[in-house]
């Protein structure tokens, strides 16, 4: 559960709804208890209805979670944490990494969006330190090259990365040109079957050796069991869970807990 120090950072970023003017309705359960219940589901991967009795009811936690996701509260928390880390020099966009991972879908989650893939692709971007700076969800079918710009657009910080490093899947001259117009340098090893002239400088490709940082970020995300498999039918709900996982990762960096 959230420590007092962690909650002290999150509490000001989560709105507190005022009681109804007519006095009707049940008293609203405090945000900290609800957040702890949501995080229990995120970490264990269990169903909402399996929430232990020490937390608010499953309906309350799920409803509040959807409310926070719908109203942009989770995105606001991500932006606030990322901006503060950047100001303190703990977030660096001079060298960023991108990668996509596939998450299978169960019980119909995501299948209406992509009957062929029956799953979701999580596009993640990490900064020079391996911290999350962007998350984008898509169906399983599109190639990762086509999702780069959407991933950049979903970043938590205002500034764009100066260099973006990916694996051979991102070796694309059109993508290289598109990013160059935005002031972003793409660094990716050439595919073995490439027929066009080489465009990558061997010295710059040395940065590719640090690509393990995005792989570590993906491993961190997979530590949250509810992110390993998509059960949510609505992509917005699954995105909210991934955003919560990123919030906890940034929160650890904020408090120097790594």
C-alpha atoms as a PDB file:
ATOM      1  CA  UNK A   1       0.000   0.000   0.000  1.00  0.00           C
ATOM      2  CA  UNK A   2       1.011   3.620  -0.391  1.00  0.00           C
ATOM      3  CA  UNK A   3       3.271   4.953   2.320  1.00  0.00           C
ATOM      4  CA  UNK A   4       2.531   8.278   4.013  1.00  0.00           C
ATOM      5  CA  UNK A   5       5.336   9.863   1.993  1.00  0.00           C
ATOM      6  CA  UNK A   6       3.981   8.527  -1.298  1.00  0.00           C
ATOM      7  CA  UNK A   7       0.443   9.577  -0.488  1.00  0.00           C
ATOM      8  CA  UNK A   8       1.678  13.027   0.538  1.00  0.00           C
ATOM      9  CA  UNK A   9       2.812  13.525  -3.067  1.00  0.00           C
ATOM     10  CA  UNK A  10      -0.291  12.078  -4.726  1.00  0.00           C
ATOM     11  CA  UNK A  11      -2.992  13.532  -2.476  1.00  0.00           C
ATOM     12  CA  UNK A  12      -2.842  17.147  -3.754  1.00  0.00           C
ATOM     13  CA  UNK A  13      -3.125  15.875  -7.339  1.00  0.00           C
ATOM     14  CA  UNK A  14      -6.368  13.952  -6.799  1.00  0.00           C
ATOM     15  CA  UNK A  15      -9.549  16.047  -6.578  1.00  0.00           C
ATOM     16  CA  UNK A  16     -11.888  15.667  -3.627  1.00  0.00           C
ATOM     17  CA  UNK A  17     -15.540  15.789  -4.674  1.00  0.00           C
ATOM     18  CA  UNK A  18     -17.827  17.940  -2.563  1.00  0.00           C
ATOM     19  CA  UNK A  19     -20.911  16.331  -0.950  1.00  0.00           C
ATOM     20  CA  UNK A  20     -24.243  16.798  -2.657  1.00  0.00           C
ATOM     21  CA  UNK A  21     -25.970  20.050  -1.743  1.00  0.00           C
ATOM     22  CA  UNK A  22     -29.185  18.226  -0.911  1.00  0.00           C
ATOM     23  CA  UNK A  23     -27.326  16.029   1.584  1.00  0.00           C
ATOM     24  CA  UNK A  24     -28.480  12.870  -0.116  1.00  0.00           C
ATOM     25  CA  UNK A  25     -26.307   9.916  -1.037  1.00  0.00           C
ATOM     26  CA  UNK A  26     -23.715   7.971   0.908  1.00  0.00           C
ATOM     27  CA  UNK A  27     -20.613   9.676   2.304  1.00  0.00           C
ATOM     28  CA  UNK A  28     -17.781   9.529  -0.240  1.00  0.00           C
ATOM     29  CA  UNK A  29     -14.993   7.148   0.804  1.00  0.00           C
ATOM     30  CA  UNK A  30     -11.604   8.839   1.082  1.00  0.00           C
ATOM     31  CA  UNK A  31      -9.314   8.716  -1.933  1.00  0.00           C
ATOM     32  CA  UNK A  32      -6.399   7.003  -0.211  1.00  0.00           C
ATOM     33  CA  UNK A  33      -8.371   3.886   0.734  1.00  0.00           C
ATOM     34  CA  UNK A  34      -9.809   3.677  -2.765  1.00  0.00           C
ATOM     35  CA  UNK A  35      -6.398   4.131  -4.385  1.00  0.00           C
ATOM     36  CA  UNK A  36      -4.942   1.354  -2.258  1.00  0.00           C
ATOM     37  CA  UNK A  37      -7.755  -0.935  -3.379  1.00  0.00           C
ATOM     38  CA  UNK A  38      -7.117  -0.099  -7.042  1.00  0.00           C
ATOM     39  CA  UNK A  39      -3.377  -0.688  -6.621  1.00  0.00           C
ATOM     40  CA  UNK A  40      -4.086  -4.080  -5.022  1.00  0.00           C
ATOM     41  CA  UNK A  41      -5.880  -5.125  -8.222  1.00  0.00           C
ATOM     42  CA  UNK A  42      -3.073  -3.670 -10.350  1.00  0.00           C
ATOM     43  CA  UNK A  43      -0.331  -5.512  -8.485  1.00  0.00           C
ATOM     44  CA  UNK A  44      -2.029  -8.881  -7.966  1.00  0.00           C
ATOM     45  CA  UNK A  45      -3.870  -9.145 -11.281  1.00  0.00           C
ATOM     46  CA  UNK A  46      -6.961 -10.339  -9.416  1.00  0.00           C
ATOM     47  CA  UNK A  47     -10.524  -9.542 -10.439  1.00  0.00           C
ATOM     48  CA  UNK A  48     -12.199  -6.495  -8.933  1.00  0.00           C
ATOM     49  CA  UNK A  49     -14.719  -8.667  -7.110  1.00  0.00           C
ATOM     50  CA  UNK A  50     -11.862 -10.397  -5.263  1.00  0.00           C
ATOM     51  CA  UNK A  51     -10.828  -7.250  -3.406  1.00  0.00           C
ATOM     52  CA  UNK A  52     -10.219  -8.077   0.281  1.00  0.00           C
ATOM     53  CA  UNK A  53     -12.622  -6.673   2.843  1.00  0.00           C
ATOM     54  CA  UNK A  54      -9.992  -4.272   4.196  1.00  0.00           C
ATOM     55  CA  UNK A  55     -10.517  -2.119   1.091  1.00  0.00           C
ATOM     56  CA  UNK A  56     -13.645  -0.281  -0.066  1.00  0.00           C
ATOM     57  CA  UNK A  57     -16.106  -2.295  -2.113  1.00  0.00           C
ATOM     58  CA  UNK A  58     -15.110  -3.487  -5.597  1.00  0.00           C
ATOM     59  CA  UNK A  59     -17.846  -1.317  -7.116  1.00  0.00           C
ATOM     60  CA  UNK A  60     -16.536   1.778  -5.334  1.00  0.00           C
ATOM     61  CA  UNK A  61     -12.917   1.176  -6.362  1.00  0.00           C
ATOM     62  CA  UNK A  62     -13.777   0.370  -9.973  1.00  0.00           C
ATOM     63  CA  UNK A  63     -16.132   3.324 -10.294  1.00  0.00           C
ATOM     64  CA  UNK A  64     -13.569   5.748  -8.817  1.00  0.00           C
ATOM     65  CA  UNK A  65     -10.847   4.315 -11.055  1.00  0.00           C
ATOM     66  CA  UNK A  66     -12.970   4.921 -14.156  1.00  0.00           C
ATOM     67  CA  UNK A  67     -13.815   8.412 -12.898  1.00  0.00           C
ATOM     68  CA  UNK A  68     -10.137   9.314 -12.480  1.00  0.00           C
ATOM     69  CA  UNK A  69      -9.249   7.922 -15.874  1.00  0.00           C
ATOM     70  CA  UNK A  70     -12.177   9.628 -17.624  1.00  0.00           C
ATOM     71  CA  UNK A  71     -11.490  13.020 -16.003  1.00  0.00           C
ATOM     72  CA  UNK A  72      -7.765  12.920 -16.796  1.00  0.00           C
ATOM     73  CA  UNK A  73      -6.626  12.707 -13.184  1.00  0.00           C
ATOM     74  CA  UNK A  74      -4.116   9.923 -13.881  1.00  0.00           C
ATOM     75  CA  UNK A  75      -2.672  11.817 -16.835  1.00  0.00           C
ATOM     76  CA  UNK A  76      -2.378  14.931 -14.669  1.00  0.00           C
ATOM     77  CA  UNK A  77      -0.433  12.979 -12.036  1.00  0.00           C
ATOM     78  CA  UNK A  78       1.932  11.610 -14.676  1.00  0.00           C
ATOM     79  CA  UNK A  79       2.545  15.070 -16.106  1.00  0.00           C
ATOM     80  CA  UNK A  80       3.159  16.588 -12.689  1.00  0.00           C
ATOM     81  CA  UNK A  81       5.630  13.885 -11.631  1.00  0.00           C
ATOM     82  CA  UNK A  82       7.465  13.943 -14.963  1.00  0.00           C
ATOM     83  CA  UNK A  83       7.747  17.751 -15.005  1.00  0.00           C
ATOM     84  CA  UNK A  84       9.113  17.805 -11.467  1.00  0.00           C
ATOM     85  CA  UNK A  85      11.635  15.053 -12.213  1.00  0.00           C
ATOM     86  CA  UNK A  86      12.771  16.924 -15.314  1.00  0.00           C
ATOM     87  CA  UNK A  87      13.280  20.144 -13.371  1.00  0.00           C
ATOM     88  CA  UNK A  88      15.402  18.244 -10.833  1.00  0.00           C
ATOM     89  CA  UNK A  89      17.538  16.654 -13.535  1.00  0.00           C
ATOM     90  CA  UNK A  90      16.130  13.164 -12.942  1.00  0.00           C
ATOM     91  CA  UNK A  91      14.448  13.001 -16.352  1.00  0.00           C
ATOM     92  CA  UNK A  92      16.545  13.464 -19.491  1.00  0.00           C
ATOM     93  CA  UNK A  93      15.123  13.626 -23.033  1.00  0.00           C
ATOM     94  CA  UNK A  94      18.488  13.918 -24.768  1.00  0.00           C
ATOM     95  CA  UNK A  95      18.396  10.171 -25.384  1.00  0.00           C
ATOM     96  CA  UNK A  96      15.145   8.204 -25.395  1.00  0.00           C
ATOM     97  CA  UNK A  97      14.187   4.642 -26.240  1.00  0.00           C
ATOM     98  CA  UNK A  98      11.047   3.149 -27.776  1.00  0.00           C
ATOM     99  CA  UNK A  99       9.641  -0.357 -27.974  1.00  0.00           C
ATOM    100  CA  UNK A 100       6.347  -2.195 -28.222  1.00  0.00           C
ATOM    101  CA  UNK A 101       5.134  -5.259 -26.336  1.00  0.00           C
ATOM    102  CA  UNK A 102       2.124  -7.454 -27.024  1.00  0.00           C
ATOM    103  CA  UNK A 103      -0.433  -8.198 -24.310  1.00  0.00           C
ATOM    104  CA  UNK A 104      -2.930 -10.976 -24.878  1.00  0.00           C
ATOM    105  CA  UNK A 105      -6.612 -10.413 -24.183  1.00  0.00           C
ATOM    106  CA  UNK A 106      -8.888 -12.626 -22.104  1.00  0.00           C
ATOM    107  CA  UNK A 107     -12.648 -12.762 -21.748  1.00  0.00           C
ATOM    108  CA  UNK A 108     -13.170 -10.498 -24.717  1.00  0.00           C
ATOM    109  CA  UNK A 109     -10.842  -7.723 -23.605  1.00  0.00           C
ATOM    110  CA  UNK A 110      -9.805  -5.808 -26.698  1.00  0.00           C
ATOM    111  CA  UNK A 111     -11.148  -8.387 -29.123  1.00  0.00           C
ATOM    112  CA  UNK A 112     -13.794  -6.065 -30.515  1.00  0.00           C
ATOM    113  CA  UNK A 113     -10.989  -3.729 -31.646  1.00  0.00           C
ATOM    114  CA  UNK A 114      -8.844  -6.362 -33.301  1.00  0.00           C
ATOM    115  CA  UNK A 115     -10.428  -9.734 -33.934  1.00  0.00           C
ATOM    116  CA  UNK A 116      -7.308 -11.012 -35.621  1.00  0.00           C
ATOM    117  CA  UNK A 117      -4.837 -10.116 -32.889  1.00  0.00           C
ATOM    118  CA  UNK A 118      -7.104 -10.563 -29.863  1.00  0.00           C
ATOM    119  CA  UNK A 119      -4.763  -8.426 -27.851  1.00  0.00           C
ATOM    120  CA  UNK A 120      -3.181  -5.037 -27.380  1.00  0.00           C
ATOM    121  CA  UNK A 121       0.183  -3.547 -28.201  1.00  0.00           C
ATOM    122  CA  UNK A 122       1.715  -1.342 -25.523  1.00  0.00           C
ATOM    123  CA  UNK A 123       4.048   1.235 -27.020  1.00  0.00           C
ATOM    124  CA  UNK A 124       6.382   2.619 -24.362  1.00  0.00           C
ATOM    125  CA  UNK A 125       9.018   5.320 -24.474  1.00  0.00           C
ATOM    126  CA  UNK A 126      11.740   5.720 -21.843  1.00  0.00           C
ATOM    127  CA  UNK A 127      14.116   8.576 -21.150  1.00  0.00           C
ATOM    128  CA  UNK A 128      17.909   8.318 -20.761  1.00  0.00           C
ATOM    129  CA  UNK A 129      17.470   6.910 -17.260  1.00  0.00           C
ATOM    130  CA  UNK A 130      14.882   4.336 -18.356  1.00  0.00           C
ATOM    131  CA  UNK A 131      11.878   6.105 -16.817  1.00  0.00           C
ATOM    132  CA  UNK A 132       8.545   6.138 -18.672  1.00  0.00           C
ATOM    133  CA  UNK A 133       7.772   9.322 -20.592  1.00  0.00           C
ATOM    134  CA  UNK A 134       5.075   8.078 -22.992  1.00  0.00           C
ATOM    135  CA  UNK A 135       2.539   5.253 -23.259  1.00  0.00           C
ATOM    136  CA  UNK A 136       0.312   4.499 -26.230  1.00  0.00           C
ATOM    137  CA  UNK A 137      -2.043   1.557 -26.751  1.00  0.00           C
ATOM    138  CA  UNK A 138      -3.009   0.091 -30.085  1.00  0.00           C
ATOM    139  CA  UNK A 139      -4.455  -3.123 -31.472  1.00  0.00           C
ATOM    140  CA  UNK A 140      -2.020  -5.908 -32.240  1.00  0.00           C
ATOM    141  CA  UNK A 141      -2.020  -5.585 -36.033  1.00  0.00           C
ATOM    142  CA  UNK A 142      -0.271  -2.252 -36.890  1.00  0.00           C
ATOM    143  CA  UNK A 143       3.488  -2.304 -37.329  1.00  0.00           C
ATOM    144  CA  UNK A 144       5.410  -0.443 -34.636  1.00  0.00           C
ATOM    145  CA  UNK A 145       6.854   1.975 -37.200  1.00  0.00           C
ATOM    146  CA  UNK A 146       3.370   3.351 -37.819  1.00  0.00           C
ATOM    147  CA  UNK A 147       2.824   3.973 -34.091  1.00  0.00           C
ATOM    148  CA  UNK A 148       5.908   6.049 -33.328  1.00  0.00           C
ATOM    149  CA  UNK A 149       4.359   9.473 -33.901  1.00  0.00           C
ATOM    150  CA  UNK A 150       1.266   8.602 -31.865  1.00  0.00           C
ATOM    151  CA  UNK A 151       3.517   7.421 -29.036  1.00  0.00           C
ATOM    152  CA  UNK A 152       5.519  10.653 -29.117  1.00  0.00           C
ATOM    153  CA  UNK A 153       2.266  12.629 -29.053  1.00  0.00           C
ATOM    154  CA  UNK A 154       1.154  10.776 -25.902  1.00  0.00           C
ATOM    155  CA  UNK A 155       4.247  11.756 -23.883  1.00  0.00           C
ATOM    156  CA  UNK A 156       3.881  13.089 -20.332  1.00  0.00           C
ATOM    157  CA  UNK A 157       6.286  16.021 -20.844  1.00  0.00           C
ATOM    158  CA  UNK A 158       6.103  19.013 -23.163  1.00  0.00           C
ATOM    159  CA  UNK A 159       9.548  18.634 -24.721  1.00  0.00           C
ATOM    160  CA  UNK A 160      10.186  16.091 -27.448  1.00  0.00           C
ATOM    161  CA  UNK A 161      13.109  13.656 -27.329  1.00  0.00           C
ATOM    162  CA  UNK A 162      16.277  14.804 -29.073  1.00  0.00           C
ATOM    163  CA  UNK A 163      17.255  11.278 -30.070  1.00  0.00           C
ATOM    164  CA  UNK A 164      14.963   8.276 -30.335  1.00  0.00           C
ATOM    165  CA  UNK A 165      16.548   4.827 -30.277  1.00  0.00           C
ATOM    166  CA  UNK A 166      14.788   1.675 -31.426  1.00  0.00           C
ATOM    167  CA  UNK A 167      15.587  -1.792 -32.704  1.00  0.00           C
ATOM    168  CA  UNK A 168      15.703  -2.918 -36.347  1.00  0.00           C
ATOM    169  CA  UNK A 169      11.916  -2.724 -36.606  1.00  0.00           C
ATOM    170  CA  UNK A 170      12.267   1.064 -36.664  1.00  0.00           C
ATOM    171  CA  UNK A 171      14.671   1.139 -39.620  1.00  0.00           C
ATOM    172  CA  UNK A 172      12.494   3.222 -41.923  1.00  0.00           C
ATOM    173  CA  UNK A 173      13.592   6.086 -44.166  1.00  0.00           C
ATOM    174  CA  UNK A 174      10.096   7.689 -44.190  1.00  0.00           C
ATOM    175  CA  UNK A 175       9.997   7.552 -40.369  1.00  0.00           C
ATOM    176  CA  UNK A 176      13.516   8.963 -40.236  1.00  0.00           C
ATOM    177  CA  UNK A 177      12.426  11.898 -42.377  1.00  0.00           C
ATOM    178  CA  UNK A 178       9.208  12.483 -40.436  1.00  0.00           C
ATOM    179  CA  UNK A 179      11.060  12.643 -37.125  1.00  0.00           C
ATOM    180  CA  UNK A 180      13.796  14.847 -38.544  1.00  0.00           C
ATOM    181  CA  UNK A 181      11.218  17.506 -39.391  1.00  0.00           C
ATOM    182  CA  UNK A 182      10.300  17.515 -35.683  1.00  0.00           C
ATOM    183  CA  UNK A 183      13.912  17.887 -34.588  1.00  0.00           C
ATOM    184  CA  UNK A 184      14.203  14.243 -33.502  1.00  0.00           C
ATOM    185  CA  UNK A 185      17.113  12.074 -34.577  1.00  0.00           C
ATOM    186  CA  UNK A 186      16.194   8.422 -35.155  1.00  0.00           C
ATOM    187  CA  UNK A 187      18.843   5.841 -34.294  1.00  0.00           C
ATOM    188  CA  UNK A 188      18.113   2.236 -35.278  1.00  0.00           C
ATOM    189  CA  UNK A 189      20.277  -0.551 -36.718  1.00  0.00           C
ATOM    190  CA  UNK A 190      19.636  -1.356 -40.351  1.00  0.00           C
ATOM    191  CA  UNK A 191      17.644  -4.471 -41.174  1.00  0.00           C
ATOM    192  CA  UNK A 192      19.661  -7.297 -42.624  1.00  0.00           C
ATOM    193  CA  UNK A 193      17.593  -7.320 -45.813  1.00  0.00           C
ATOM    194  CA  UNK A 194      17.898  -3.581 -46.383  1.00  0.00           C
ATOM    195  CA  UNK A 195      18.535  -2.742 -50.040  1.00  0.00           C
ATOM    196  CA  UNK A 196      18.771   1.051 -49.807  1.00  0.00           C
ATOM    197  CA  UNK A 197      22.045   2.801 -48.944  1.00  0.00           C
ATOM    198  CA  UNK A 198      22.937   2.948 -45.258  1.00  0.00           C
ATOM    199  CA  UNK A 199      21.871   6.077 -43.411  1.00  0.00           C
ATOM    200  CA  UNK A 200      23.123   5.356 -39.888  1.00  0.00           C
ATOM    201  CA  UNK A 201      26.459   6.536 -38.522  1.00  0.00           C
ATOM    202  CA  UNK A 202      28.321   3.769 -36.704  1.00  0.00           C
ATOM    203  CA  UNK A 203      29.425   6.115 -33.952  1.00  0.00           C
ATOM    204  CA  UNK A 204      25.852   7.136 -33.153  1.00  0.00           C
ATOM    205  CA  UNK A 205      24.770   3.503 -33.150  1.00  0.00           C
ATOM    206  CA  UNK A 206      26.846   3.009 -30.024  1.00  0.00           C
ATOM    207  CA  UNK A 207      23.911   4.520 -28.183  1.00  0.00           C
ATOM    208  CA  UNK A 208      21.922   1.429 -29.203  1.00  0.00           C
ATOM    209  CA  UNK A 209      23.854  -0.566 -26.607  1.00  0.00           C
ATOM    210  CA  UNK A 210      21.883   1.239 -23.935  1.00  0.00           C
ATOM    211  CA  UNK A 211      18.579  -0.007 -25.331  1.00  0.00           C
ATOM    212  CA  UNK A 212      18.349  -2.381 -22.357  1.00  0.00           C
ATOM    213  CA  UNK A 213      16.768   0.560 -20.515  1.00  0.00           C
ATOM    214  CA  UNK A 214      13.507   0.278 -22.457  1.00  0.00           C
ATOM    215  CA  UNK A 215      13.564  -3.481 -21.957  1.00  0.00           C
ATOM    216  CA  UNK A 216      13.945  -2.895 -18.228  1.00  0.00           C
ATOM    217  CA  UNK A 217      10.982  -0.503 -18.299  1.00  0.00           C
ATOM    218  CA  UNK A 218       8.865  -3.152 -20.006  1.00  0.00           C
ATOM    219  CA  UNK A 219       9.933  -5.609 -17.296  1.00  0.00           C
ATOM    220  CA  UNK A 220       8.905  -3.104 -14.620  1.00  0.00           C
ATOM    221  CA  UNK A 221       5.490  -2.764 -16.228  1.00  0.00           C
ATOM    222  CA  UNK A 222       5.103  -6.532 -16.381  1.00  0.00           C
ATOM    223  CA  UNK A 223       5.671  -6.676 -12.617  1.00  0.00           C
ATOM    224  CA  UNK A 224       2.133  -5.341 -12.322  1.00  0.00           C
ATOM    225  CA  UNK A 225       0.144  -8.472 -13.056  1.00  0.00           C
ATOM    226  CA  UNK A 226      -2.967  -6.671 -14.204  1.00  0.00           C
ATOM    227  CA  UNK A 227      -0.872  -5.245 -17.059  1.00  0.00           C
ATOM    228  CA  UNK A 228       0.381  -8.683 -18.171  1.00  0.00           C
ATOM    229  CA  UNK A 229      -3.025  -9.673 -19.570  1.00  0.00           C
ATOM    230  CA  UNK A 230      -5.817  -7.408 -20.730  1.00  0.00           C
ATOM    231  CA  UNK A 231      -9.171  -8.227 -19.158  1.00  0.00           C
ATOM    232  CA  UNK A 232     -10.745  -4.796 -19.687  1.00  0.00           C
ATOM    233  CA  UNK A 233     -13.040  -4.543 -22.688  1.00  0.00           C
ATOM    234  CA  UNK A 234     -12.614  -0.767 -22.866  1.00  0.00           C
ATOM    235  CA  UNK A 235      -9.173   0.351 -23.971  1.00  0.00           C
ATOM    236  CA  UNK A 236      -9.518   3.449 -21.753  1.00  0.00           C
ATOM    237  CA  UNK A 237      -9.654   1.260 -18.654  1.00  0.00           C
ATOM    238  CA  UNK A 238      -6.607  -0.755 -19.653  1.00  0.00           C
ATOM    239  CA  UNK A 239      -4.745   2.466 -20.448  1.00  0.00           C
ATOM    240  CA  UNK A 240      -5.608   3.711 -16.967  1.00  0.00           C
ATOM    241  CA  UNK A 241      -4.014   0.627 -15.407  1.00  0.00           C
ATOM    242  CA  UNK A 242      -0.830   1.097 -17.449  1.00  0.00           C
ATOM    243  CA  UNK A 243      -0.791   4.768 -16.458  1.00  0.00           C
ATOM    244  CA  UNK A 244      -1.066   3.785 -12.799  1.00  0.00           C
ATOM    245  CA  UNK A 245       1.906   1.454 -13.215  1.00  0.00           C
ATOM    246  CA  UNK A 246       3.896   4.348 -14.716  1.00  0.00           C
ATOM    247  CA  UNK A 247       2.826   6.587 -11.834  1.00  0.00           C
ATOM    248  CA  UNK A 248       4.270   4.157  -9.302  1.00  0.00           C
ATOM    249  CA  UNK A 249       7.525   3.898 -11.265  1.00  0.00           C
ATOM    250  CA  UNK A 250       7.892   7.694 -11.454  1.00  0.00           C
ATOM    251  CA  UNK A 251       6.931   7.970  -7.791  1.00  0.00           C
ATOM    252  CA  UNK A 252       9.814   5.689  -6.844  1.00  0.00           C
ATOM    253  CA  UNK A 253      12.203   7.819  -8.883  1.00  0.00           C
ATOM    254  CA  UNK A 254      10.754  10.954  -7.251  1.00  0.00           C
ATOM    255  CA  UNK A 255      11.506   9.551  -3.797  1.00  0.00           C
ATOM    256  CA  UNK A 256      14.870   7.998  -4.788  1.00  0.00           C
ATOM    257  CA  UNK A 257      13.567   4.515  -3.953  1.00  0.00           C
ATOM    258  CA  UNK A 258      15.383   2.707  -6.777  1.00  0.00           C
END
